[in-house]
Amino acid sequence: MNNKEKGRLGEKIACNYLIKNNFHILEKNYRTKIGEIDLIAYKENKILFVEVKSRKSINYGYPSEAVNYKKQRKIISTAKQYIMYKNIKNMDIGFDVIEVYLSDNDINHIENAFCVN
């Protein structure tokens, strides 16, 4: 399985996890010129912008460690465009990271992994 296939599988697992936890999926792989957001979900007046990171092992570090400052800024900028485009007002927003461990079939949902400064 190549990295792209691992990524797609991880996103599918994360999407199913969110649905099982009563989230409504608004977008998958939302793209702009600035960047991409893997999943955009909604629950109880809150919109989540979710970055999904998948790994077979932690030999090269935890998946969330790949969501560095530069990646966070791209996600935040893309989220701002989404909010403006959809004319979203009076809603809470969050930036989460979902780590998917493919070898263990395990998920770690990191809520509010980063925020807008």
N, C-alpha and C. Protein backbone atom coordinates (compact mmCIF):
# COMPACT_ATOMS: atom_id res chain seq x y z
N MET A 1 0.85 -1.17 0.00
CA MET A 1 0.00 0.00 0.00
C MET A 1 0.91 1.25 0.00
N ASN A 2 0.70 2.14 -0.98
CA ASN A 2 1.52 3.35 -1.02
C ASN A 2 0.95 4.42 -0.08
N ASN A 3 1.67 5.52 0.06
CA ASN A 3 1.27 6.57 1.02
C ASN A 3 -0.09 7.18 0.69
N LYS A 4 -0.37 7.34 -0.58
CA LYS A 4 -1.67 7.92 -0.98
C LYS A 4 -2.82 6.99 -0.57
N GLU A 5 -2.63 5.71 -0.78
CA GLU A 5 -3.65 4.72 -0.40
C GLU A 5 -3.82 4.67 1.12
N LYS A 6 -2.70 4.75 1.85
CA LYS A 6 -2.78 4.80 3.32
C LYS A 6 -3.55 6.03 3.78
N GLY A 7 -3.28 7.15 3.13
CA GLY A 7 -3.98 8.39 3.47
C GLY A 7 -5.47 8.29 3.22
N ARG A 8 -5.85 7.74 2.08
CA ARG A 8 -7.28 7.58 1.77
C ARG A 8 -7.97 6.65 2.75
N LEU A 9 -7.29 5.56 3.10
CA LEU A 9 -7.85 4.61 4.06
C LEU A 9 -8.00 5.28 5.42
N GLY A 10 -6.99 6.02 5.85
CA GLY A 10 -7.05 6.73 7.12
C GLY A 10 -8.19 7.73 7.16
N GLU A 11 -8.39 8.46 6.07
CA GLU A 11 -9.48 9.43 6.00
C GLU A 11 -10.84 8.74 6.06
N LYS A 12 -10.95 7.60 5.41
CA LYS A 12 -12.21 6.84 5.46
C LYS A 12 -12.49 6.37 6.89
N ILE A 13 -11.47 5.86 7.57
CA ILE A 13 -11.63 5.40 8.95
C ILE A 13 -12.00 6.57 9.86
N ALA A 14 -11.34 7.71 9.68
CA ALA A 14 -11.63 8.90 10.49
C ALA A 14 -13.05 9.40 10.23
N CYS A 15 -13.46 9.38 8.99
CA CYS A 15 -14.81 9.81 8.62
C CYS A 15 -15.85 8.92 9.30
N ASN A 16 -15.66 7.62 9.23
CA ASN A 16 -16.59 6.68 9.88
C ASN A 16 -16.62 6.89 11.40
N TYR A 17 -15.45 7.16 11.98
CA TYR A 17 -15.36 7.44 13.41
C TYR A 17 -16.21 8.67 13.78
N LEU A 18 -16.07 9.74 12.99
CA LEU A 18 -16.83 10.96 13.28
C LEU A 18 -18.34 10.72 13.14
N ILE A 19 -18.73 10.00 12.11
CA ILE A 19 -20.15 9.70 11.91
C ILE A 19 -20.70 8.89 13.08
N LYS A 20 -19.94 7.90 13.54
CA LYS A 20 -20.36 7.09 14.70
C LYS A 20 -20.49 7.92 15.96
N ASN A 21 -19.77 9.05 16.01
CA ASN A 21 -19.82 9.94 17.16
C ASN A 21 -20.73 11.14 16.90
N ASN A 22 -21.72 10.93 16.03
CA ASN A 22 -22.80 11.88 15.77
C ASN A 22 -22.38 13.18 15.10
N PHE A 23 -21.28 13.15 14.36
CA PHE A 23 -20.90 14.30 13.55
C PHE A 23 -21.53 14.16 12.18
N HIS A 24 -21.85 15.27 11.58
CA HIS A 24 -22.34 15.30 10.21
C HIS A 24 -21.16 15.77 9.35
N ILE A 25 -20.81 15.02 8.33
CA ILE A 25 -19.68 15.37 7.47
C ILE A 25 -20.17 16.38 6.42
N LEU A 26 -19.56 17.56 6.44
CA LEU A 26 -19.92 18.61 5.49
C LEU A 26 -19.09 18.54 4.22
N GLU A 27 -17.80 18.23 4.38
CA GLU A 27 -16.90 18.19 3.23
C GLU A 27 -15.82 17.14 3.47
N LYS A 28 -15.38 16.55 2.37
CA LYS A 28 -14.21 15.68 2.37
C LYS A 28 -13.22 16.26 1.37
N ASN A 29 -11.97 16.35 1.78
CA ASN A 29 -10.91 16.86 0.91
C ASN A 29 -11.26 18.21 0.28
N TYR A 30 -11.63 19.15 1.12
CA TYR A 30 -11.96 20.50 0.66
C TYR A 30 -10.67 21.20 0.23
N ARG A 31 -10.64 21.66 -1.03
CA ARG A 31 -9.41 22.25 -1.58
C ARG A 31 -9.64 23.68 -2.03
N THR A 32 -8.62 24.49 -1.80
CA THR A 32 -8.55 25.84 -2.37
C THR A 32 -7.14 26.00 -2.93
N LYS A 33 -6.85 27.19 -3.46
CA LYS A 33 -5.49 27.45 -3.94
C LYS A 33 -4.48 27.44 -2.80
N ILE A 34 -4.95 27.76 -1.60
CA ILE A 34 -4.06 27.84 -0.44
C ILE A 34 -3.72 26.46 0.12
N GLY A 35 -4.71 25.58 0.22
CA GLY A 35 -4.47 24.29 0.83
C GLY A 35 -5.68 23.39 0.82
N GLU A 36 -5.60 22.35 1.63
CA GLU A 36 -6.66 21.34 1.70
C GLU A 36 -6.98 21.03 3.14
N ILE A 37 -8.25 20.74 3.38
CA ILE A 37 -8.69 20.25 4.68
C ILE A 37 -9.28 18.87 4.44
N ASP A 38 -8.80 17.89 5.19
CA ASP A 38 -9.23 16.51 4.96
C ASP A 38 -10.72 16.32 5.20
N LEU A 39 -11.20 16.76 6.37
CA LEU A 39 -12.62 16.60 6.71
C LEU A 39 -13.13 17.87 7.39
N ILE A 40 -14.33 18.24 7.02
CA ILE A 40 -15.03 19.32 7.72
C ILE A 40 -16.32 18.71 8.24
N ALA A 41 -16.50 18.80 9.56
CA ALA A 41 -17.63 18.14 10.21
C ALA A 41 -18.39 19.13 11.08
N TYR A 42 -19.63 18.77 11.40
CA TYR A 42 -20.50 19.64 12.19
C TYR A 42 -21.17 18.82 13.28
N LYS A 43 -21.26 19.43 14.47
CA LYS A 43 -22.00 18.82 15.58
C LYS A 43 -22.28 19.91 16.61
N GLU A 44 -23.52 19.99 17.02
CA GLU A 44 -23.92 20.87 18.12
C GLU A 44 -23.37 22.29 17.98
N ASN A 45 -23.66 22.93 16.87
CA ASN A 45 -23.28 24.32 16.62
C ASN A 45 -21.76 24.54 16.58
N LYS A 46 -21.02 23.48 16.25
CA LYS A 46 -19.57 23.60 16.13
C LYS A 46 -19.11 22.96 14.83
N ILE A 47 -18.26 23.68 14.13
CA ILE A 47 -17.67 23.15 12.91
C ILE A 47 -16.23 22.75 13.22
N LEU A 48 -15.89 21.54 12.84
CA LEU A 48 -14.53 21.03 13.03
C LEU A 48 -13.82 20.95 11.69
N PHE A 49 -12.61 21.45 11.68
CA PHE A 49 -11.72 21.30 10.54
C PHE A 49 -10.70 20.25 10.97
N VAL A 50 -10.73 19.11 10.30
CA VAL A 50 -9.98 17.94 10.77
C VAL A 50 -8.87 17.57 9.81
N GLU A 51 -7.67 17.47 10.36
CA GLU A 51 -6.53 16.94 9.62
C GLU A 51 -6.35 15.49 10.05
N VAL A 52 -6.30 14.60 9.08
CA VAL A 52 -6.15 13.16 9.36
C VAL A 52 -4.73 12.75 9.00
N LYS A 53 -4.07 12.08 9.94
CA LYS A 53 -2.73 11.57 9.71
C LYS A 53 -2.72 10.08 10.02
N SER A 54 -2.26 9.29 9.07
CA SER A 54 -2.26 7.82 9.20
C SER A 54 -0.84 7.29 9.20
N ARG A 55 -0.62 6.28 10.01
CA ARG A 55 0.68 5.62 10.07
C ARG A 55 0.48 4.13 10.33
N LYS A 56 1.42 3.34 9.82
CA LYS A 56 1.43 1.91 10.14
C LYS A 56 2.14 1.68 11.46
N SER A 57 3.10 2.56 11.78
CA SER A 57 3.83 2.43 13.04
C SER A 57 4.29 3.82 13.47
N ILE A 58 4.87 3.89 14.65
CA ILE A 58 5.39 5.18 15.12
C ILE A 58 6.92 5.24 15.01
N ASN A 59 7.48 4.43 14.13
CA ASN A 59 8.93 4.41 13.93
C ASN A 59 9.47 5.78 13.54
N TYR A 60 8.66 6.57 12.85
CA TYR A 60 9.09 7.89 12.40
C TYR A 60 8.35 9.00 13.13
N GLY A 61 7.82 8.70 14.29
CA GLY A 61 7.13 9.70 15.10
C GLY A 61 5.63 9.52 15.07
N TYR A 62 4.98 10.25 15.96
CA TYR A 62 3.51 10.19 16.03
C TYR A 62 2.92 10.95 14.85
N PRO A 63 1.80 10.50 14.35
CA PRO A 63 1.19 11.15 13.19
C PRO A 63 0.96 12.64 13.38
N SER A 64 0.51 13.04 14.55
CA SER A 64 0.19 14.45 14.78
C SER A 64 1.42 15.34 14.69
N GLU A 65 2.60 14.79 14.87
CA GLU A 65 3.82 15.59 14.78
C GLU A 65 4.05 16.12 13.36
N ALA A 66 3.39 15.53 12.40
CA ALA A 66 3.50 16.00 11.01
C ALA A 66 2.67 17.25 10.75
N VAL A 67 1.82 17.61 11.70
CA VAL A 67 0.99 18.81 11.54
C VAL A 67 1.76 19.96 12.20
N ASN A 68 2.77 20.43 11.47
CA ASN A 68 3.63 21.47 11.99
C ASN A 68 2.99 22.86 11.83
N TYR A 69 3.72 23.88 12.26
CA TYR A 69 3.20 25.24 12.24
C TYR A 69 2.77 25.67 10.83
N LYS A 70 3.59 25.37 9.85
CA LYS A 70 3.28 25.75 8.46
C LYS A 70 1.98 25.08 7.99
N LYS A 71 1.83 23.79 8.30
CA LYS A 71 0.61 23.06 7.93
C LYS A 71 -0.60 23.64 8.65
N GLN A 72 -0.45 23.98 9.93
CA GLN A 72 -1.54 24.59 10.69
C GLN A 72 -1.98 25.90 10.06
N ARG A 73 -1.03 26.75 9.65
CA ARG A 73 -1.36 28.04 9.03
C ARG A 73 -2.14 27.82 7.73
N LYS A 74 -1.76 26.82 6.94
CA LYS A 74 -2.47 26.52 5.70
C LYS A 74 -3.90 26.07 5.99
N ILE A 75 -4.07 25.22 6.99
CA ILE A 75 -5.40 24.73 7.36
C ILE A 75 -6.26 25.90 7.84
N ILE A 76 -5.70 26.75 8.67
CA ILE A 76 -6.45 27.90 9.19
C ILE A 76 -6.86 28.84 8.06
N SER A 77 -5.94 29.12 7.14
CA SER A 77 -6.27 30.00 6.00
C SER A 77 -7.35 29.39 5.12
N THR A 78 -7.26 28.10 4.89
CA THR A 78 -8.27 27.41 4.08
C THR A 78 -9.62 27.42 4.80
N ALA A 79 -9.59 27.21 6.11
CA ALA A 79 -10.82 27.25 6.91
C ALA A 79 -11.47 28.63 6.85
N LYS A 80 -10.68 29.68 6.91
CA LYS A 80 -11.22 31.04 6.82
C LYS A 80 -11.92 31.26 5.48
N GLN A 81 -11.32 30.75 4.40
CA GLN A 81 -11.96 30.85 3.09
C GLN A 81 -13.28 30.09 3.07
N TYR A 82 -13.29 28.91 3.66
CA TYR A 82 -14.51 28.11 3.71
C TYR A 82 -15.61 28.86 4.47
N ILE A 83 -15.26 29.42 5.61
CA ILE A 83 -16.22 30.15 6.44
C ILE A 83 -16.79 31.35 5.67
N MET A 84 -15.92 32.07 4.96
CA MET A 84 -16.39 33.22 4.17
C MET A 84 -17.27 32.76 3.01
N TYR A 85 -16.82 31.72 2.30
CA TYR A 85 -17.55 31.22 1.13
C TYR A 85 -18.94 30.71 1.52
N LYS A 86 -19.04 30.03 2.64
CA LYS A 86 -20.31 29.47 3.11
C LYS A 86 -21.11 30.46 3.96
N ASN A 87 -20.53 31.66 4.19
CA ASN A 87 -21.19 32.70 4.98
C ASN A 87 -21.61 32.18 6.36
N ILE A 88 -20.69 31.52 7.04
CA ILE A 88 -20.96 30.93 8.35
C ILE A 88 -20.77 31.98 9.42
N LYS A 89 -21.78 32.09 10.29
CA LYS A 89 -21.73 33.07 11.37
C LYS A 89 -22.22 32.42 12.66
N ASN A 90 -21.74 32.95 13.75
CA ASN A 90 -22.21 32.54 15.08
C ASN A 90 -22.08 31.05 15.36
N MET A 91 -20.97 30.50 14.95
CA MET A 91 -20.69 29.09 15.23
C MET A 91 -19.30 28.97 15.84
N ASP A 92 -19.16 28.01 16.72
CA ASP A 92 -17.84 27.70 17.25
C ASP A 92 -17.08 26.92 16.20
N ILE A 93 -15.78 27.09 16.19
CA ILE A 93 -14.96 26.29 15.27
C ILE A 93 -13.84 25.63 16.06
N GLY A 94 -13.37 24.52 15.54
CA GLY A 94 -12.26 23.81 16.17
C GLY A 94 -11.36 23.21 15.10
N PHE A 95 -10.11 23.05 15.47
CA PHE A 95 -9.13 22.44 14.59
C PHE A 95 -8.61 21.18 15.28
N ASP A 96 -9.03 20.04 14.77
CA ASP A 96 -8.70 18.75 15.37
C ASP A 96 -7.75 17.97 14.48
N VAL A 97 -7.04 17.06 15.10
CA VAL A 97 -6.21 16.10 14.37
C VAL A 97 -6.68 14.71 14.78
N ILE A 98 -6.89 13.87 13.79
CA ILE A 98 -7.21 12.48 14.07
C ILE A 98 -6.05 11.63 13.58
N GLU A 99 -5.43 10.93 14.53
CA GLU A 99 -4.35 10.01 14.21
C GLU A 99 -4.97 8.63 13.98
N VAL A 100 -4.61 8.02 12.87
CA VAL A 100 -5.09 6.67 12.56
C VAL A 100 -3.89 5.74 12.52
N TYR A 101 -3.93 4.74 13.38
CA TYR A 101 -2.86 3.74 13.44
C TYR A 101 -3.36 2.50 12.70
N LEU A 102 -2.89 2.35 11.47
CA LEU A 102 -3.42 1.30 10.60
C LEU A 102 -3.09 -0.10 11.08
N SER A 103 -1.92 -0.31 11.65
CA SER A 103 -1.55 -1.66 12.08
C SER A 103 -2.36 -2.12 13.29
N ASP A 104 -2.76 -1.17 14.16
CA ASP A 104 -3.53 -1.52 15.35
C ASP A 104 -5.03 -1.29 15.17
N ASN A 105 -5.41 -0.69 14.04
CA ASN A 105 -6.80 -0.31 13.80
C ASN A 105 -7.30 0.56 14.96
N ASP A 106 -6.46 1.54 15.34
CA ASP A 106 -6.75 2.41 16.47
C ASP A 106 -6.80 3.87 16.02
N ILE A 107 -7.55 4.68 16.77
CA ILE A 107 -7.72 6.10 16.46
C ILE A 107 -7.43 6.91 17.71
N ASN A 108 -6.76 8.04 17.51
CA ASN A 108 -6.56 9.01 18.58
C ASN A 108 -7.09 10.35 18.08
N HIS A 109 -8.19 10.81 18.67
CA HIS A 109 -8.81 12.08 18.27
C HIS A 109 -8.29 13.17 19.18
N ILE A 110 -7.50 14.07 18.63
CA ILE A 110 -6.94 15.19 19.39
C ILE A 110 -7.81 16.42 19.13
N GLU A 111 -8.64 16.73 20.11
CA GLU A 111 -9.54 17.88 19.97
C GLU A 111 -8.79 19.17 20.23
N ASN A 112 -9.16 20.21 19.48
CA ASN A 112 -8.52 21.52 19.61
C ASN A 112 -7.00 21.39 19.59
N ALA A 113 -6.50 20.68 18.59
CA ALA A 113 -5.06 20.42 18.47
C ALA A 113 -4.26 21.71 18.26
N PHE A 114 -4.89 22.67 17.64
CA PHE A 114 -4.27 23.99 17.47
C PHE A 114 -5.38 25.01 17.32
N CYS A 115 -5.02 26.29 17.41
CA CYS A 115 -6.04 27.33 17.36
C CYS A 115 -5.55 28.52 16.56
N VAL A 116 -6.49 29.40 16.25
CA VAL A 116 -6.18 30.63 15.52
C VAL A 116 -5.57 31.61 16.52
N ASN A 117 -4.44 32.17 16.17
CA ASN A 117 -3.80 33.15 17.06
C ASN A 117 -4.30 34.55 16.78
